[in-house]
N, C-alpha and C. Protein backbone atom coordinates (compact mmCIF):
# COMPACT_ATOMS: atom_id res chain seq x y z
N MET A 1 66.49 -194.57 -10.01
CA MET A 1 67.13 -193.28 -10.26
C MET A 1 68.29 -193.11 -9.29
N ARG A 2 69.47 -192.77 -9.82
CA ARG A 2 70.65 -192.70 -8.98
C ARG A 2 70.64 -191.44 -8.12
N ASN A 3 70.91 -191.60 -6.85
CA ASN A 3 71.01 -190.46 -5.94
C ASN A 3 72.01 -190.86 -4.87
N THR A 4 73.21 -190.30 -4.92
CA THR A 4 74.30 -190.78 -4.08
C THR A 4 74.49 -189.97 -2.82
N GLY A 5 73.53 -189.10 -2.48
CA GLY A 5 73.69 -188.30 -1.26
C GLY A 5 74.35 -186.98 -1.53
N ARG A 6 74.59 -186.22 -0.50
CA ARG A 6 75.11 -184.86 -0.65
C ARG A 6 76.57 -184.90 -1.08
N ALA A 7 76.86 -184.13 -2.15
CA ALA A 7 78.22 -184.03 -2.64
C ALA A 7 78.80 -182.69 -2.22
N PRO A 8 80.12 -182.58 -2.09
CA PRO A 8 80.71 -181.31 -1.66
C PRO A 8 80.54 -180.23 -2.70
N LEU A 9 80.29 -179.02 -2.25
CA LEU A 9 80.26 -177.87 -3.15
C LEU A 9 81.69 -177.40 -3.37
N LEU A 10 82.11 -177.36 -4.62
CA LEU A 10 83.50 -177.04 -4.90
C LEU A 10 83.75 -175.54 -4.97
N THR A 11 82.73 -174.75 -5.31
CA THR A 11 83.01 -173.36 -5.60
C THR A 11 82.20 -172.36 -4.77
N LEU A 12 81.15 -172.80 -4.13
CA LEU A 12 80.29 -171.82 -3.47
C LEU A 12 80.74 -171.50 -2.05
N ASP A 13 80.71 -170.22 -1.71
CA ASP A 13 80.81 -169.86 -0.31
C ASP A 13 79.39 -169.56 0.18
N ARG A 14 79.25 -169.07 1.39
CA ARG A 14 77.93 -168.90 1.96
C ARG A 14 77.12 -167.82 1.26
N THR A 15 77.76 -166.91 0.56
CA THR A 15 77.03 -165.87 -0.16
C THR A 15 76.58 -166.34 -1.52
N GLY A 16 77.09 -167.49 -1.97
CA GLY A 16 76.75 -167.98 -3.30
C GLY A 16 77.58 -167.37 -4.41
N GLU A 17 78.51 -166.48 -4.09
CA GLU A 17 79.30 -165.83 -5.13
C GLU A 17 80.45 -166.70 -5.61
N GLY A 18 80.95 -167.57 -4.75
CA GLY A 18 81.95 -168.54 -5.19
C GLY A 18 83.38 -168.11 -4.95
N ARG A 19 84.22 -169.08 -4.66
CA ARG A 19 85.66 -168.86 -4.59
C ARG A 19 86.25 -169.46 -5.85
N GLN A 20 86.71 -168.62 -6.77
CA GLN A 20 87.11 -169.10 -8.08
C GLN A 20 88.53 -168.66 -8.42
N GLU A 21 89.07 -169.30 -9.45
CA GLU A 21 90.44 -169.06 -9.87
C GLU A 21 90.48 -168.09 -11.05
N PRO A 22 91.62 -167.37 -11.23
CA PRO A 22 91.76 -166.56 -12.44
C PRO A 22 91.89 -167.45 -13.66
N GLU A 23 91.57 -166.90 -14.84
CA GLU A 23 91.69 -167.68 -16.07
C GLU A 23 93.15 -168.07 -16.30
N PRO A 24 93.39 -169.27 -16.83
CA PRO A 24 94.76 -169.72 -17.05
C PRO A 24 95.41 -168.98 -18.21
N ASP A 25 96.75 -168.98 -18.22
CA ASP A 25 97.49 -168.39 -19.32
C ASP A 25 97.38 -169.28 -20.55
N LEU A 26 96.88 -168.73 -21.66
CA LEU A 26 96.62 -169.53 -22.85
C LEU A 26 97.90 -170.12 -23.44
N ASP A 27 98.97 -169.35 -23.44
CA ASP A 27 100.23 -169.85 -24.00
C ASP A 27 100.75 -171.04 -23.20
N GLU A 28 100.66 -170.96 -21.88
CA GLU A 28 101.14 -172.06 -21.03
C GLU A 28 100.32 -173.32 -21.25
N VAL A 29 98.99 -173.16 -21.33
CA VAL A 29 98.13 -174.32 -21.55
C VAL A 29 98.42 -174.94 -22.91
N ALA A 30 98.57 -174.10 -23.94
CA ALA A 30 98.84 -174.62 -25.29
C ALA A 30 100.16 -175.39 -25.31
N ALA A 31 101.17 -174.88 -24.63
CA ALA A 31 102.47 -175.57 -24.61
C ALA A 31 102.36 -176.95 -23.96
N LYS A 32 101.55 -177.05 -22.93
CA LYS A 32 101.38 -178.34 -22.26
C LYS A 32 100.59 -179.31 -23.13
N PHE A 33 99.62 -178.82 -23.85
CA PHE A 33 98.91 -179.70 -24.78
C PHE A 33 99.86 -180.17 -25.89
N ARG A 34 100.70 -179.28 -26.39
CA ARG A 34 101.66 -179.68 -27.43
C ARG A 34 102.57 -180.79 -26.91
N ALA A 35 103.03 -180.66 -25.67
CA ALA A 35 103.87 -181.70 -25.08
C ALA A 35 103.11 -183.02 -24.98
N ALA A 36 101.83 -182.95 -24.64
CA ALA A 36 101.02 -184.17 -24.55
C ALA A 36 100.85 -184.81 -25.93
N PHE A 37 100.64 -183.98 -26.96
CA PHE A 37 100.50 -184.52 -28.32
C PHE A 37 101.78 -185.23 -28.75
N GLU A 38 102.91 -184.61 -28.43
CA GLU A 38 104.20 -185.22 -28.78
C GLU A 38 104.38 -186.55 -28.06
N ALA A 39 104.01 -186.60 -26.77
CA ALA A 39 104.14 -187.83 -26.00
C ALA A 39 103.23 -188.93 -26.55
N LEU A 40 102.11 -188.54 -27.17
CA LEU A 40 101.20 -189.50 -27.75
C LEU A 40 101.64 -189.95 -29.15
N GLY A 41 102.71 -189.35 -29.65
CA GLY A 41 103.24 -189.74 -30.95
C GLY A 41 102.55 -189.11 -32.14
N LEU A 42 101.85 -187.99 -31.93
CA LEU A 42 101.19 -187.33 -33.05
C LEU A 42 102.21 -186.61 -33.92
N ASP A 43 101.97 -186.60 -35.22
CA ASP A 43 102.84 -185.91 -36.17
C ASP A 43 102.41 -184.45 -36.24
N LEU A 44 103.11 -183.61 -35.51
CA LEU A 44 102.70 -182.20 -35.43
C LEU A 44 103.07 -181.41 -36.68
N SER A 45 103.74 -182.07 -37.65
CA SER A 45 103.97 -181.42 -38.94
C SER A 45 102.78 -181.59 -39.88
N ASP A 46 101.83 -182.44 -39.50
CA ASP A 46 100.61 -182.62 -40.28
C ASP A 46 99.88 -181.27 -40.35
N PRO A 47 99.58 -180.79 -41.58
CA PRO A 47 98.93 -179.48 -41.70
C PRO A 47 97.65 -179.36 -40.87
N ASN A 48 96.95 -180.48 -40.67
CA ASN A 48 95.71 -180.42 -39.91
C ASN A 48 95.94 -180.27 -38.42
N LEU A 49 97.17 -180.51 -37.95
CA LEU A 49 97.50 -180.38 -36.54
C LEU A 49 98.24 -179.09 -36.21
N VAL A 50 98.62 -178.34 -37.23
CA VAL A 50 99.32 -177.08 -36.99
C VAL A 50 98.40 -176.11 -36.24
N GLY A 51 98.82 -175.69 -35.08
CA GLY A 51 98.03 -174.76 -34.27
C GLY A 51 96.95 -175.44 -33.44
N THR A 52 96.86 -176.77 -33.50
CA THR A 52 95.80 -177.46 -32.77
C THR A 52 95.95 -177.26 -31.26
N GLU A 53 97.21 -177.23 -30.77
CA GLU A 53 97.37 -177.10 -29.33
C GLU A 53 96.76 -175.81 -28.80
N ARG A 54 96.82 -174.74 -29.60
CA ARG A 54 96.23 -173.47 -29.15
C ARG A 54 94.71 -173.49 -29.27
N ARG A 55 94.21 -174.14 -30.32
CA ARG A 55 92.76 -174.27 -30.44
C ARG A 55 92.19 -175.10 -29.30
N VAL A 56 92.89 -176.17 -28.94
CA VAL A 56 92.44 -177.01 -27.83
C VAL A 56 92.48 -176.23 -26.52
N ALA A 57 93.54 -175.44 -26.32
CA ALA A 57 93.65 -174.64 -25.11
C ALA A 57 92.49 -173.65 -24.99
N ARG A 58 92.14 -173.00 -26.11
CA ARG A 58 91.02 -172.07 -26.08
C ARG A 58 89.71 -172.81 -25.79
N ALA A 59 89.55 -173.99 -26.41
CA ALA A 59 88.32 -174.76 -26.21
C ALA A 59 88.16 -175.16 -24.75
N TYR A 60 89.24 -175.65 -24.12
CA TYR A 60 89.13 -176.08 -22.74
C TYR A 60 88.94 -174.90 -21.80
N ARG A 61 89.53 -173.76 -22.12
CA ARG A 61 89.30 -172.59 -21.28
C ARG A 61 87.82 -172.21 -21.31
N GLU A 62 87.19 -172.36 -22.48
CA GLU A 62 85.75 -172.08 -22.58
C GLU A 62 84.93 -173.15 -21.86
N LEU A 63 85.31 -174.41 -22.05
CA LEU A 63 84.56 -175.51 -21.43
C LEU A 63 84.67 -175.52 -19.92
N PHE A 64 85.75 -174.95 -19.38
CA PHE A 64 85.96 -174.90 -17.94
C PHE A 64 85.66 -173.52 -17.37
N ALA A 65 84.89 -172.72 -18.09
CA ALA A 65 84.65 -171.33 -17.70
C ALA A 65 83.99 -171.21 -16.33
N GLY A 66 83.26 -172.23 -15.89
CA GLY A 66 82.61 -172.18 -14.59
C GLY A 66 83.56 -172.17 -13.41
N LEU A 67 84.85 -172.45 -13.67
CA LEU A 67 85.83 -172.45 -12.59
C LEU A 67 86.43 -171.07 -12.34
N TYR A 68 86.25 -170.13 -13.28
CA TYR A 68 87.03 -168.91 -13.24
C TYR A 68 86.28 -167.74 -12.61
N ALA A 69 87.04 -166.82 -12.09
CA ALA A 69 86.47 -165.68 -11.38
C ALA A 69 85.50 -164.91 -12.27
N GLY A 70 84.38 -164.54 -11.70
CA GLY A 70 83.38 -163.75 -12.41
C GLY A 70 82.34 -164.56 -13.15
N SER A 71 82.46 -165.89 -13.15
CA SER A 71 81.52 -166.70 -13.92
C SER A 71 80.28 -167.12 -13.12
N ALA A 72 80.32 -166.96 -11.81
CA ALA A 72 79.16 -167.36 -11.00
C ALA A 72 77.94 -166.53 -11.41
N PRO A 73 76.78 -167.17 -11.62
CA PRO A 73 75.60 -166.43 -12.08
C PRO A 73 75.07 -165.51 -11.00
N GLU A 74 74.58 -164.36 -11.43
CA GLU A 74 73.91 -163.45 -10.50
C GLU A 74 72.47 -163.91 -10.35
N LEU A 75 72.20 -164.57 -9.26
CA LEU A 75 70.87 -165.16 -9.04
C LEU A 75 70.02 -164.15 -8.26
N ARG A 76 69.61 -163.10 -8.97
CA ARG A 76 68.83 -162.06 -8.31
C ARG A 76 67.44 -162.58 -7.97
N THR A 77 67.04 -162.38 -6.74
CA THR A 77 65.74 -162.87 -6.28
C THR A 77 64.80 -161.69 -6.03
N PHE A 78 63.52 -162.02 -5.95
CA PHE A 78 62.48 -161.03 -5.72
C PHE A 78 61.55 -161.52 -4.61
N ALA A 79 61.01 -160.59 -3.90
CA ALA A 79 60.07 -160.95 -2.84
C ALA A 79 58.83 -161.61 -3.44
N ASN A 80 58.39 -162.66 -2.82
CA ASN A 80 57.19 -163.38 -3.29
C ASN A 80 55.95 -162.67 -2.75
N THR A 81 55.72 -161.48 -3.29
CA THR A 81 54.64 -160.63 -2.76
C THR A 81 53.26 -161.21 -3.04
N GLU A 82 53.13 -162.05 -4.07
CA GLU A 82 51.84 -162.64 -4.38
C GLU A 82 51.55 -163.88 -3.52
N GLY A 83 52.57 -164.30 -2.76
CA GLY A 83 52.38 -165.48 -1.93
C GLY A 83 52.20 -166.76 -2.72
N TYR A 84 52.83 -166.83 -3.89
CA TYR A 84 52.69 -168.02 -4.73
C TYR A 84 53.32 -169.22 -4.03
N SER A 85 52.57 -170.31 -3.95
CA SER A 85 53.04 -171.45 -3.17
C SER A 85 52.99 -172.77 -3.94
N GLU A 86 52.73 -172.71 -5.25
CA GLU A 86 52.72 -173.92 -6.06
C GLU A 86 54.08 -174.12 -6.73
N MET A 87 54.26 -175.26 -7.33
CA MET A 87 55.55 -175.61 -7.90
C MET A 87 55.89 -174.74 -9.11
N VAL A 88 57.15 -174.32 -9.17
CA VAL A 88 57.72 -173.65 -10.33
C VAL A 88 58.75 -174.60 -10.93
N ALA A 89 58.57 -174.96 -12.19
CA ALA A 89 59.46 -175.94 -12.82
C ALA A 89 59.96 -175.43 -14.16
N VAL A 90 61.26 -175.62 -14.40
CA VAL A 90 61.85 -175.35 -15.71
C VAL A 90 62.47 -176.67 -16.16
N THR A 91 62.01 -177.19 -17.28
CA THR A 91 62.45 -178.51 -17.73
C THR A 91 63.17 -178.42 -19.07
N ASP A 92 63.88 -179.50 -19.39
CA ASP A 92 64.57 -179.64 -20.68
C ASP A 92 65.59 -178.53 -20.93
N ILE A 93 66.37 -178.21 -19.89
CA ILE A 93 67.47 -177.26 -20.05
C ILE A 93 68.67 -178.03 -20.61
N PRO A 94 69.09 -177.76 -21.83
CA PRO A 94 70.21 -178.52 -22.40
C PRO A 94 71.54 -178.09 -21.79
N PHE A 95 72.47 -179.03 -21.68
CA PHE A 95 73.80 -178.71 -21.19
C PHE A 95 74.81 -179.67 -21.80
N HIS A 96 76.07 -179.23 -21.80
CA HIS A 96 77.22 -180.07 -22.16
C HIS A 96 78.27 -179.90 -21.08
N SER A 97 78.91 -180.99 -20.71
CA SER A 97 79.97 -180.93 -19.73
C SER A 97 81.05 -181.94 -20.10
N LEU A 98 82.10 -182.03 -19.26
CA LEU A 98 83.18 -182.97 -19.48
C LEU A 98 83.33 -183.85 -18.25
N CYS A 99 83.33 -185.15 -18.47
CA CYS A 99 83.50 -186.11 -17.38
C CYS A 99 84.85 -185.91 -16.71
N ALA A 100 84.86 -185.78 -15.40
CA ALA A 100 86.10 -185.55 -14.67
C ALA A 100 87.03 -186.76 -14.70
N HIS A 101 86.50 -187.92 -15.02
CA HIS A 101 87.32 -189.14 -15.01
C HIS A 101 88.12 -189.33 -16.29
N HIS A 102 87.53 -188.91 -17.44
CA HIS A 102 88.20 -189.13 -18.72
C HIS A 102 88.29 -187.87 -19.58
N LEU A 103 87.69 -186.77 -19.13
CA LEU A 103 87.61 -185.52 -19.90
C LEU A 103 86.97 -185.76 -21.27
N LEU A 104 85.99 -186.65 -21.29
CA LEU A 104 85.16 -186.86 -22.47
C LEU A 104 83.80 -186.24 -22.20
N PRO A 105 83.11 -185.81 -23.26
CA PRO A 105 81.85 -185.09 -23.05
C PRO A 105 80.74 -185.97 -22.46
N PHE A 106 79.91 -185.35 -21.63
CA PHE A 106 78.58 -185.89 -21.35
C PHE A 106 77.60 -184.75 -21.51
N PHE A 107 76.40 -185.09 -21.93
CA PHE A 107 75.45 -184.04 -22.34
C PHE A 107 74.03 -184.55 -22.16
N GLY A 108 73.11 -183.62 -22.01
CA GLY A 108 71.72 -184.01 -21.84
C GLY A 108 70.86 -182.84 -21.44
N THR A 109 69.91 -183.10 -20.54
CA THR A 109 68.98 -182.06 -20.11
C THR A 109 68.84 -182.08 -18.60
N ALA A 110 68.62 -180.90 -18.05
CA ALA A 110 68.38 -180.74 -16.62
C ALA A 110 66.96 -180.23 -16.41
N HIS A 111 66.35 -180.68 -15.32
CA HIS A 111 64.98 -180.30 -14.98
C HIS A 111 64.99 -179.82 -13.53
N LEU A 112 64.55 -178.58 -13.31
CA LEU A 112 64.61 -177.96 -11.99
C LEU A 112 63.21 -177.58 -11.54
N ALA A 113 62.95 -177.73 -10.25
CA ALA A 113 61.68 -177.30 -9.69
C ALA A 113 61.89 -176.83 -8.26
N TYR A 114 61.08 -175.85 -7.84
CA TYR A 114 61.09 -175.42 -6.45
C TYR A 114 59.71 -174.92 -6.06
N LEU A 115 59.41 -175.00 -4.78
CA LEU A 115 58.20 -174.41 -4.22
C LEU A 115 58.62 -173.14 -3.48
N PRO A 116 58.16 -171.98 -3.95
CA PRO A 116 58.64 -170.73 -3.38
C PRO A 116 58.31 -170.58 -1.90
N GLY A 117 59.25 -169.95 -1.21
CA GLY A 117 59.01 -169.50 0.15
C GLY A 117 58.79 -168.00 0.08
N GLU A 118 59.72 -167.24 0.62
CA GLU A 118 59.61 -165.78 0.59
C GLU A 118 60.21 -165.18 -0.67
N LYS A 119 60.94 -165.98 -1.48
CA LYS A 119 61.64 -165.46 -2.65
C LYS A 119 61.27 -166.24 -3.90
N ILE A 120 61.31 -165.54 -5.05
CA ILE A 120 61.22 -166.16 -6.35
C ILE A 120 62.39 -165.65 -7.18
N VAL A 121 62.66 -166.29 -8.32
CA VAL A 121 63.80 -165.94 -9.13
C VAL A 121 63.40 -165.95 -10.60
N GLY A 122 64.06 -165.11 -11.43
CA GLY A 122 63.82 -165.12 -12.86
C GLY A 122 64.15 -166.49 -13.45
N LEU A 123 63.30 -166.99 -14.31
CA LEU A 123 63.44 -168.36 -14.81
C LEU A 123 64.73 -168.56 -15.61
N SER A 124 65.16 -167.54 -16.35
CA SER A 124 66.39 -167.70 -17.14
C SER A 124 67.60 -167.91 -16.25
N LYS A 125 67.54 -167.42 -15.02
CA LYS A 125 68.67 -167.60 -14.11
C LYS A 125 68.86 -169.06 -13.73
N LEU A 126 67.79 -169.83 -13.73
CA LEU A 126 67.91 -171.25 -13.41
C LEU A 126 68.72 -171.98 -14.48
N ALA A 127 68.52 -171.60 -15.74
CA ALA A 127 69.32 -172.20 -16.82
C ALA A 127 70.79 -171.83 -16.67
N ARG A 128 71.07 -170.62 -16.20
CA ARG A 128 72.46 -170.20 -16.02
C ARG A 128 73.14 -170.96 -14.89
N VAL A 129 72.38 -171.34 -13.88
CA VAL A 129 72.95 -172.16 -12.81
C VAL A 129 73.43 -173.49 -13.36
N VAL A 130 72.63 -174.10 -14.23
CA VAL A 130 73.02 -175.36 -14.86
C VAL A 130 74.31 -175.19 -15.65
N ASP A 131 74.40 -174.14 -16.46
CA ASP A 131 75.61 -173.88 -17.25
C ASP A 131 76.83 -173.67 -16.36
N PHE A 132 76.64 -172.96 -15.26
CA PHE A 132 77.74 -172.66 -14.36
C PHE A 132 78.40 -173.93 -13.85
N TYR A 133 77.59 -174.89 -13.45
CA TYR A 133 78.15 -176.13 -12.91
C TYR A 133 78.55 -177.12 -14.00
N ALA A 134 78.01 -176.98 -15.20
CA ALA A 134 78.40 -177.88 -16.29
C ALA A 134 79.76 -177.52 -16.85
N ARG A 135 80.15 -176.25 -16.78
CA ARG A 135 81.39 -175.81 -17.42
C ARG A 135 82.59 -175.98 -16.48
N ARG A 136 82.96 -177.24 -16.29
CA ARG A 136 84.10 -177.64 -15.45
C ARG A 136 84.24 -179.15 -15.56
N PRO A 137 85.37 -179.72 -15.16
CA PRO A 137 85.42 -181.18 -15.05
C PRO A 137 84.38 -181.60 -14.03
N GLN A 138 83.52 -182.54 -14.40
CA GLN A 138 82.32 -182.74 -13.59
C GLN A 138 81.93 -184.22 -13.59
N ILE A 139 81.19 -184.61 -12.56
CA ILE A 139 80.48 -185.87 -12.60
C ILE A 139 79.01 -185.55 -12.39
N GLN A 140 78.15 -186.34 -13.01
CA GLN A 140 76.73 -186.01 -13.05
C GLN A 140 76.12 -185.97 -11.65
N GLU A 141 76.50 -186.91 -10.79
CA GLU A 141 75.93 -186.95 -9.45
C GLU A 141 76.25 -185.66 -8.68
N ARG A 142 77.51 -185.22 -8.77
CA ARG A 142 77.91 -184.02 -8.05
C ARG A 142 77.21 -182.79 -8.61
N MET A 143 77.12 -182.70 -9.93
CA MET A 143 76.46 -181.56 -10.56
C MET A 143 75.00 -181.46 -10.10
N THR A 144 74.31 -182.59 -10.00
CA THR A 144 72.92 -182.60 -9.56
C THR A 144 72.80 -182.02 -8.15
N GLU A 145 73.69 -182.44 -7.26
CA GLU A 145 73.67 -181.95 -5.89
C GLU A 145 74.04 -180.47 -5.82
N GLN A 146 75.00 -180.04 -6.61
CA GLN A 146 75.42 -178.64 -6.57
C GLN A 146 74.30 -177.71 -7.00
N VAL A 147 73.57 -178.10 -8.05
CA VAL A 147 72.48 -177.25 -8.52
C VAL A 147 71.39 -177.12 -7.46
N VAL A 148 70.98 -178.25 -6.86
CA VAL A 148 69.91 -178.16 -5.87
C VAL A 148 70.37 -177.40 -4.62
N GLU A 149 71.64 -177.54 -4.24
CA GLU A 149 72.14 -176.82 -3.07
C GLU A 149 72.14 -175.31 -3.30
N LEU A 150 72.45 -174.90 -4.53
CA LEU A 150 72.42 -173.47 -4.81
C LEU A 150 71.00 -172.93 -4.74
N LEU A 151 70.04 -173.69 -5.25
CA LEU A 151 68.64 -173.26 -5.15
C LEU A 151 68.23 -173.08 -3.69
N VAL A 152 68.61 -174.03 -2.86
CA VAL A 152 68.27 -173.95 -1.45
C VAL A 152 68.97 -172.78 -0.78
N GLU A 153 70.25 -172.60 -1.11
CA GLU A 153 71.06 -171.54 -0.49
C GLU A 153 70.52 -170.15 -0.82
N ARG A 154 70.15 -169.94 -2.09
CA ARG A 154 69.79 -168.59 -2.51
C ARG A 154 68.30 -168.29 -2.43
N LEU A 155 67.43 -169.30 -2.60
CA LEU A 155 66.00 -169.04 -2.64
C LEU A 155 65.31 -169.33 -1.31
N ARG A 156 65.90 -170.16 -0.47
CA ARG A 156 65.25 -170.60 0.76
C ARG A 156 63.82 -171.09 0.47
N PRO A 157 63.67 -172.02 -0.47
CA PRO A 157 62.33 -172.46 -0.84
C PRO A 157 61.76 -173.44 0.17
N ALA A 158 60.46 -173.73 0.03
CA ALA A 158 59.86 -174.78 0.83
C ALA A 158 60.40 -176.14 0.41
N GLY A 159 60.85 -176.24 -0.83
CA GLY A 159 61.46 -177.47 -1.31
C GLY A 159 62.04 -177.25 -2.69
N ALA A 160 62.95 -178.13 -3.10
CA ALA A 160 63.56 -178.05 -4.42
C ALA A 160 63.90 -179.45 -4.90
N MET A 161 63.91 -179.61 -6.21
CA MET A 161 64.26 -180.90 -6.80
C MET A 161 64.95 -180.67 -8.13
N VAL A 162 65.96 -181.47 -8.41
CA VAL A 162 66.70 -181.41 -9.67
C VAL A 162 66.80 -182.83 -10.22
N VAL A 163 66.49 -182.99 -11.49
CA VAL A 163 66.68 -184.25 -12.20
C VAL A 163 67.55 -183.96 -13.42
N ILE A 164 68.61 -184.74 -13.61
CA ILE A 164 69.48 -184.59 -14.78
C ILE A 164 69.52 -185.92 -15.52
N GLN A 165 69.33 -185.85 -16.83
CA GLN A 165 69.40 -187.02 -17.70
C GLN A 165 70.47 -186.76 -18.75
N ALA A 166 71.42 -187.67 -18.89
CA ALA A 166 72.56 -187.40 -19.76
C ALA A 166 73.11 -188.66 -20.39
N ARG A 167 73.75 -188.47 -21.54
CA ARG A 167 74.53 -189.51 -22.21
C ARG A 167 76.01 -189.20 -22.00
N HIS A 168 76.79 -190.26 -21.80
CA HIS A 168 78.20 -190.12 -21.45
C HIS A 168 79.08 -190.74 -22.53
N SER A 169 79.94 -189.89 -23.14
CA SER A 169 80.84 -190.40 -24.18
C SER A 169 81.81 -191.43 -23.64
N CYS A 170 82.20 -191.31 -22.37
CA CYS A 170 83.13 -192.30 -21.80
C CYS A 170 82.50 -193.67 -21.73
N MET A 171 81.17 -193.74 -21.77
CA MET A 171 80.47 -195.01 -21.78
C MET A 171 80.14 -195.46 -23.20
N GLU A 172 79.98 -194.49 -24.11
CA GLU A 172 79.58 -194.82 -25.47
C GLU A 172 80.77 -195.05 -26.41
N MET A 173 81.89 -194.34 -26.18
CA MET A 173 83.02 -194.40 -27.09
C MET A 173 84.09 -195.39 -26.67
N ARG A 174 84.08 -195.80 -25.42
CA ARG A 174 85.12 -196.68 -24.89
C ARG A 174 84.47 -197.66 -23.90
N GLY A 175 85.27 -198.51 -23.31
CA GLY A 175 84.74 -199.43 -22.30
C GLY A 175 83.63 -200.30 -22.85
N VAL A 176 82.45 -200.23 -22.23
CA VAL A 176 81.34 -201.07 -22.65
C VAL A 176 80.74 -200.65 -23.99
N ALA A 177 81.00 -199.40 -24.42
CA ALA A 177 80.58 -198.89 -25.73
C ALA A 177 79.09 -199.11 -25.98
N LYS A 178 78.27 -198.63 -25.06
CA LYS A 178 76.82 -198.77 -25.17
C LYS A 178 76.22 -197.45 -25.60
N ALA A 179 76.10 -197.27 -26.90
CA ALA A 179 75.59 -196.01 -27.45
C ALA A 179 74.13 -195.81 -27.07
N GLY A 180 73.80 -194.59 -26.69
CA GLY A 180 72.42 -194.22 -26.40
C GLY A 180 71.97 -194.43 -24.97
N ALA A 181 72.82 -195.04 -24.13
CA ALA A 181 72.43 -195.24 -22.73
C ALA A 181 72.29 -193.89 -22.02
N VAL A 182 71.23 -193.75 -21.24
CA VAL A 182 70.94 -192.49 -20.54
C VAL A 182 71.07 -192.73 -19.03
N THR A 183 71.82 -191.85 -18.38
CA THR A 183 71.97 -191.89 -16.92
C THR A 183 71.09 -190.81 -16.31
N THR A 184 70.31 -191.17 -15.31
CA THR A 184 69.42 -190.23 -14.63
C THR A 184 69.82 -190.09 -13.17
N THR A 185 69.98 -188.86 -12.72
CA THR A 185 70.29 -188.58 -11.32
C THR A 185 69.26 -187.60 -10.78
N SER A 186 69.06 -187.63 -9.47
CA SER A 186 68.10 -186.72 -8.86
C SER A 186 68.61 -186.28 -7.50
N ALA A 187 68.13 -185.12 -7.08
CA ALA A 187 68.40 -184.61 -5.73
C ALA A 187 67.15 -183.88 -5.25
N VAL A 188 66.74 -184.14 -4.02
CA VAL A 188 65.52 -183.55 -3.49
C VAL A 188 65.81 -182.89 -2.15
N ARG A 189 65.09 -181.83 -1.87
CA ARG A 189 65.18 -181.13 -0.61
C ARG A 189 63.78 -180.70 -0.17
N GLY A 190 63.58 -180.58 1.11
CA GLY A 190 62.35 -180.03 1.66
C GLY A 190 61.12 -180.85 1.31
N VAL A 191 60.05 -180.18 0.89
CA VAL A 191 58.77 -180.86 0.69
C VAL A 191 58.82 -181.84 -0.47
N PHE A 192 59.85 -181.78 -1.32
CA PHE A 192 59.95 -182.75 -2.40
C PHE A 192 60.31 -184.14 -1.88
N ASP A 193 60.66 -184.23 -0.61
CA ASP A 193 60.81 -185.55 0.00
C ASP A 193 59.47 -186.26 0.13
N GLU A 194 58.38 -185.49 0.07
CA GLU A 194 57.05 -186.08 0.14
C GLU A 194 56.70 -186.70 -1.21
N GLN A 195 56.15 -187.87 -1.18
CA GLN A 195 55.86 -188.63 -2.41
C GLN A 195 54.98 -187.84 -3.37
N ARG A 196 53.93 -187.19 -2.86
CA ARG A 196 52.98 -186.51 -3.74
C ARG A 196 53.65 -185.38 -4.51
N THR A 197 54.44 -184.56 -3.81
CA THR A 197 55.09 -183.43 -4.46
C THR A 197 56.13 -183.90 -5.46
N ARG A 198 56.89 -184.92 -5.07
CA ARG A 198 57.91 -185.45 -5.98
C ARG A 198 57.28 -186.02 -7.24
N GLN A 199 56.19 -186.76 -7.08
CA GLN A 199 55.54 -187.37 -8.23
C GLN A 199 54.89 -186.33 -9.14
N GLU A 200 54.46 -185.20 -8.57
CA GLU A 200 53.90 -184.13 -9.39
C GLU A 200 54.95 -183.63 -10.38
N PHE A 201 56.18 -183.44 -9.90
CA PHE A 201 57.25 -182.98 -10.78
C PHE A 201 57.63 -184.07 -11.78
N LEU A 202 57.82 -185.29 -11.32
CA LEU A 202 58.19 -186.37 -12.22
C LEU A 202 57.10 -186.63 -13.24
N GLY A 203 55.86 -186.35 -12.87
CA GLY A 203 54.77 -186.51 -13.82
C GLY A 203 54.91 -185.58 -15.01
N LEU A 204 55.43 -184.37 -14.77
CA LEU A 204 55.65 -183.43 -15.87
C LEU A 204 56.65 -184.00 -16.86
N LEU A 205 57.65 -184.70 -16.35
CA LEU A 205 58.65 -185.30 -17.23
C LEU A 205 58.11 -186.57 -17.89
N GLY A 206 57.40 -187.38 -17.11
CA GLY A 206 56.92 -188.65 -17.61
C GLY A 206 55.88 -188.52 -18.70
N THR A 207 55.12 -187.44 -18.71
CA THR A 207 54.10 -187.27 -19.75
C THR A 207 54.73 -187.10 -21.11
N ARG A 208 56.01 -186.66 -21.16
CA ARG A 208 56.67 -186.47 -22.44
C ARG A 208 57.57 -187.64 -22.82
N ARG A 209 58.20 -188.28 -21.82
CA ARG A 209 59.16 -189.31 -22.18
C ARG A 209 58.87 -190.65 -21.53
N GLY A 210 57.92 -190.69 -20.59
CA GLY A 210 57.49 -191.96 -20.02
C GLY A 210 58.59 -192.74 -19.31
N SER A 211 59.67 -192.03 -18.89
CA SER A 211 60.79 -192.76 -18.31
C SER A 211 61.26 -192.22 -16.98
N ALA A 212 60.69 -191.13 -16.49
CA ALA A 212 61.16 -190.53 -15.24
C ALA A 212 60.48 -191.20 -14.07
N ARG A 213 61.23 -192.02 -13.35
CA ARG A 213 60.70 -192.69 -12.18
C ARG A 213 61.69 -192.58 -11.05
N LEU A 214 61.18 -192.56 -9.83
CA LEU A 214 62.06 -192.48 -8.65
C LEU A 214 61.74 -193.65 -7.74
């Protein structure tokens, strides 16, 4: 399982709210896409390409929404008044992102787990964290580290672990052209460094797909 160490957080400050940019001007983005289409030799008089530059601009603004001001998820936490100390896991969270190297899609599922300390969080918020980091030019290794770092920053858990499994169009559509290849990345913090705790989480994944190993 690939784990390349700690990657830089591109958007988070210490409060977790993020330093983000305003949304780009749609007309300016569309004009630049039109110039790129012309440079590529596309026939922009083709009825199917009329207005495509603006549609592409809107699509990329949506796909990169995690970069813009106001998109950081509100990760509201609650006091762990029950003293719950066992693993909380949310698995098979689907996501789509764009590879920062080729701007081609990669997509798959994210699996998150943490052992609560003094705080717990609504489960739906964990899925929003995945979306937040997926909606930008991204690489899978960095996204894995960013998600686990946010969990640690905001929840202060006894431990956290993130596993992401994805297919990459830049690998399937070009280059080696190996359709169906799955890349798995992981990031662990705290008690998940312990073999028993880590294997408990991976066991949840392995019982369904028999392929999650560290």
